């Protein structure tokens, strides 16, 4: 499977107790992984 620029093979989302996304992980293959951490200030 060829992945074009800007695409990801898999996305995972992790949530806190309030149901808000706290971590998004995108991976194209085993060597490429992007983690986005969310912080909420309320």
PDB file of N, CA and C in Angstrom:
ATOM      1  N   UNK A   1       0.840  -1.179   0.000  1.00  0.00           N
ATOM      2  CA  UNK A   1       0.000   0.000   0.000  1.00  0.00           C
ATOM      3  C   UNK A   1       0.888   1.247   0.000  1.00  0.00           C
ATOM      4  N   UNK A   2       0.644   2.127  -0.942  1.00  0.00           N
ATOM      5  CA  UNK A   2       1.415   3.359  -1.018  1.00  0.00           C
ATOM      6  C   UNK A   2       0.659   4.475  -0.317  1.00  0.00           C
ATOM      7  N   UNK A   3       1.368   5.194   0.508  1.00  0.00           N
ATOM      8  CA  UNK A   3       0.763   6.303   1.241  1.00  0.00           C
ATOM      9  C   UNK A   3       1.213   7.599   0.599  1.00  0.00           C
ATOM     10  N   UNK A   4       0.270   8.404   0.197  1.00  0.00           N
ATOM     11  CA  UNK A   4       0.578   9.689  -0.418  1.00  0.00           C
ATOM     12  C   UNK A   4       0.891  10.720   0.662  1.00  0.00           C
ATOM     13  N   UNK A   5       1.568  11.766   0.265  1.00  0.00           N
ATOM     14  CA  UNK A   5       1.936  12.835   1.189  1.00  0.00           C
ATOM     15  C   UNK A   5       0.682  13.390   1.867  1.00  0.00           C
ATOM     16  N   UNK A   6       0.726  13.508   3.182  1.00  0.00           N
ATOM     17  CA  UNK A   6      -0.397  14.031   3.942  1.00  0.00           C
ATOM     18  C   UNK A   6      -1.369  12.969   4.419  1.00  0.00           C
ATOM     19  N   UNK A   7      -1.181  11.725   4.015  1.00  0.00           N
ATOM     20  CA  UNK A   7      -2.066  10.649   4.443  1.00  0.00           C
ATOM     21  C   UNK A   7      -1.423   9.862   5.583  1.00  0.00           C
ATOM     22  N   UNK A   8      -2.242   9.136   6.321  1.00  0.00           N
ATOM     23  CA  UNK A   8      -1.708   8.249   7.346  1.00  0.00           C
ATOM     24  C   UNK A   8      -2.366   6.886   7.188  1.00  0.00           C
ATOM     25  N   UNK A   9      -1.647   5.868   7.603  1.00  0.00           N
ATOM     26  CA  UNK A   9      -2.151   4.512   7.501  1.00  0.00           C
ATOM     27  C   UNK A   9      -3.078   4.195   8.665  1.00  0.00           C
ATOM     28  N   UNK A  10      -2.785   4.782   9.833  1.00  0.00           N
ATOM     29  CA  UNK A  10      -3.578   4.487  11.024  1.00  0.00           C
ATOM     30  C   UNK A  10      -3.626   5.695  11.935  1.00  0.00           C
ATOM     31  N   UNK A  11      -4.775   5.935  12.531  1.00  0.00           N
ATOM     32  CA  UNK A  11      -4.927   6.993  13.532  1.00  0.00           C
ATOM     33  C   UNK A  11      -5.509   6.372  14.791  1.00  0.00           C
ATOM     34  N   UNK A  12      -4.958   6.755  15.925  1.00  0.00           N
ATOM     35  CA  UNK A  12      -5.470   6.307  17.217  1.00  0.00           C
ATOM     36  C   UNK A  12      -5.760   7.543  18.055  1.00  0.00           C
ATOM     37  N   UNK A  13      -6.838   7.484  18.836  1.00  0.00           N
ATOM     38  CA  UNK A  13      -7.214   8.595  19.703  1.00  0.00           C
ATOM     39  C   UNK A  13      -7.322   8.085  21.129  1.00  0.00           C
ATOM     40  N   UNK A  14      -6.834   8.878  22.075  1.00  0.00           N
ATOM     41  CA  UNK A  14      -6.913   8.554  23.490  1.00  0.00           C
ATOM     42  C   UNK A  14      -7.674   9.670  24.182  1.00  0.00           C
ATOM     43  N   UNK A  15      -8.585   9.312  25.075  1.00  0.00           N
ATOM     44  CA  UNK A  15      -9.504  10.267  25.698  1.00  0.00           C
ATOM     45  C   UNK A  15      -9.318  10.302  27.202  1.00  0.00           C
ATOM     46  N   UNK A  16      -9.682  11.448  27.818  1.00  0.00           N
ATOM     47  CA  UNK A  16      -9.673  11.547  29.279  1.00  0.00           C
ATOM     48  C   UNK A  16     -11.057  11.188  29.819  1.00  0.00           C
ATOM     49  N   UNK A  17     -11.233  11.341  31.119  1.00  0.00           N
ATOM     50  CA  UNK A  17     -12.500  10.968  31.768  1.00  0.00           C
ATOM     51  C   UNK A  17     -13.685  11.807  31.291  1.00  0.00           C
ATOM     52  N   UNK A  18     -13.399  13.008  30.775  1.00  0.00           N
ATOM     53  CA  UNK A  18     -14.472  13.880  30.288  1.00  0.00           C
ATOM     54  C   UNK A  18     -14.843  13.581  28.838  1.00  0.00           C
ATOM     55  N   UNK A  19     -14.128  12.666  28.211  1.00  0.00           N
ATOM     56  CA  UNK A  19     -14.405  12.342  26.816  1.00  0.00           C
ATOM     57  C   UNK A  19     -13.680  13.237  25.832  1.00  0.00           C
ATOM     58  N   UNK A  20     -12.738  14.035  26.332  1.00  0.00           N
ATOM     59  CA  UNK A  20     -11.972  14.919  25.464  1.00  0.00           C
ATOM     60  C   UNK A  20     -10.719  14.205  24.969  1.00  0.00           C
ATOM     61  N   UNK A  21     -10.350  14.464  23.723  1.00  0.00           N
ATOM     62  CA  UNK A  21      -9.137  13.849  23.168  1.00  0.00           C
ATOM     63  C   UNK A  21      -7.926  14.428  23.889  1.00  0.00           C
ATOM     64  N   UNK A  22      -7.050  13.559  24.400  1.00  0.00           N
ATOM     65  CA  UNK A  22      -5.824  14.035  25.028  1.00  0.00           C
ATOM     66  C   UNK A  22      -4.597  13.672  24.190  1.00  0.00           C
ATOM     67  N   UNK A  23      -4.730  12.669  23.301  1.00  0.00           N
ATOM     68  CA  UNK A  23      -3.595  12.270  22.481  1.00  0.00           C
ATOM     69  C   UNK A  23      -4.103  11.698  21.171  1.00  0.00           C
ATOM     70  N   UNK A  24      -3.507  12.143  20.069  1.00  0.00           N
ATOM     71  CA  UNK A  24      -3.811  11.624  18.738  1.00  0.00           C
ATOM     72  C   UNK A  24      -2.502  11.097  18.177  1.00  0.00           C
ATOM     73  N   UNK A  25      -2.504   9.857  17.722  1.00  0.00           N
ATOM     74  CA  UNK A  25      -1.294   9.255  17.174  1.00  0.00           C
ATOM     75  C   UNK A  25      -1.579   8.860  15.727  1.00  0.00           C
ATOM     76  N   UNK A  26      -0.770   9.388  14.806  1.00  0.00           N
ATOM     77  CA  UNK A  26      -0.890   9.044  13.398  1.00  0.00           C
ATOM     78  C   UNK A  26       0.379   8.320  12.985  1.00  0.00           C
ATOM     79  N   UNK A  27       0.236   7.221  12.267  1.00  0.00           N
ATOM     80  CA  UNK A  27       1.416   6.505  11.819  1.00  0.00           C
ATOM     81  C   UNK A  27       1.255   6.086  10.364  1.00  0.00           C
ATOM     82  N   UNK A  28       2.362   6.210   9.618  1.00  0.00           N
ATOM     83  CA  UNK A  28       2.384   5.791   8.228  1.00  0.00           C
ATOM     84  C   UNK A  28       3.019   4.409   8.119  1.00  0.00           C
ATOM     85  N   UNK A  29       3.991   4.153   8.946  1.00  0.00           N
ATOM     86  CA  UNK A  29       4.610   2.833   9.044  1.00  0.00           C
ATOM     87  C   UNK A  29       5.312   2.745  10.395  1.00  0.00           C
ATOM     88  N   UNK A  30       6.077   1.716  10.613  1.00  0.00           N
ATOM     89  CA  UNK A  30       6.707   1.526  11.933  1.00  0.00           C
ATOM     90  C   UNK A  30       7.728   2.611  12.258  1.00  0.00           C
ATOM     91  N   UNK A  31       8.308   3.212  11.241  1.00  0.00           N
ATOM     92  CA  UNK A  31       9.364   4.202  11.465  1.00  0.00           C
ATOM     93  C   UNK A  31       8.853   5.627  11.538  1.00  0.00           C
ATOM     94  N   UNK A  32       7.628   5.867  11.110  1.00  0.00           N
ATOM     95  CA  UNK A  32       7.083   7.215  11.102  1.00  0.00           C
ATOM     96  C   UNK A  32       5.860   7.287  11.993  1.00  0.00           C
ATOM     97  N   UNK A  33       5.951   8.104  13.021  1.00  0.00           N
ATOM     98  CA  UNK A  33       4.829   8.259  13.944  1.00  0.00           C
ATOM     99  C   UNK A  33       4.762   9.705  14.390  1.00  0.00           C
ATOM    100  N   UNK A  34       3.568  10.268  14.386  1.00  0.00           N
ATOM    101  CA  UNK A  34       3.347  11.632  14.838  1.00  0.00           C
ATOM    102  C   UNK A  34       2.389  11.571  16.019  1.00  0.00           C
ATOM    103  N   UNK A  35       2.769  12.187  17.115  1.00  0.00           N
ATOM    104  CA  UNK A  35       1.905  12.257  18.283  1.00  0.00           C
ATOM    105  C   UNK A  35       1.507  13.706  18.524  1.00  0.00           C
ATOM    106  N   UNK A  36       0.226  13.953  18.700  1.00  0.00           N
ATOM    107  CA  UNK A  36      -0.283  15.295  19.000  1.00  0.00           C
ATOM    108  C   UNK A  36      -0.964  15.223  20.354  1.00  0.00           C
ATOM    109  N   UNK A  37      -0.450  15.996  21.299  1.00  0.00           N
ATOM    110  CA  UNK A  37      -0.999  16.009  22.655  1.00  0.00           C
ATOM    111  C   UNK A  37      -1.879  17.249  22.821  1.00  0.00           C
ATOM    112  N   UNK A  38      -3.044  17.069  23.399  1.00  0.00           N
ATOM    113  CA  UNK A  38      -3.999  18.160  23.606  1.00  0.00           C
ATOM    114  C   UNK A  38      -4.031  18.541  25.076  1.00  0.00           C
ATOM    115  N   UNK A  39      -3.987  19.827  25.346  1.00  0.00           N
ATOM    116  CA  UNK A  39      -4.128  20.353  26.708  1.00  0.00           C
ATOM    117  C   UNK A  39      -5.347  21.270  26.744  1.00  0.00           C
ATOM    118  N   UNK A  40      -6.174  21.123  27.771  1.00  0.00           N
ATOM    119  CA  UNK A  40      -7.377  21.943  27.918  1.00  0.00           C
ATOM    120  C   UNK A  40      -7.243  22.760  29.196  1.00  0.00           C
ATOM    121  N   UNK A  41      -7.476  24.035  29.083  1.00  0.00           N
ATOM    122  CA  UNK A  41      -7.377  24.938  30.236  1.00  0.00           C
ATOM    123  C   UNK A  41      -8.775  25.473  30.547  1.00  0.00           C
ATOM    124  N   UNK A  42      -9.459  24.856  31.499  1.00  0.00           N
ATOM    125  CA  UNK A  42     -10.789  25.331  31.904  1.00  0.00           C
ATOM    126  C   UNK A  42     -10.766  25.509  33.403  1.00  0.00           C
TER     127      UNK A  42
END
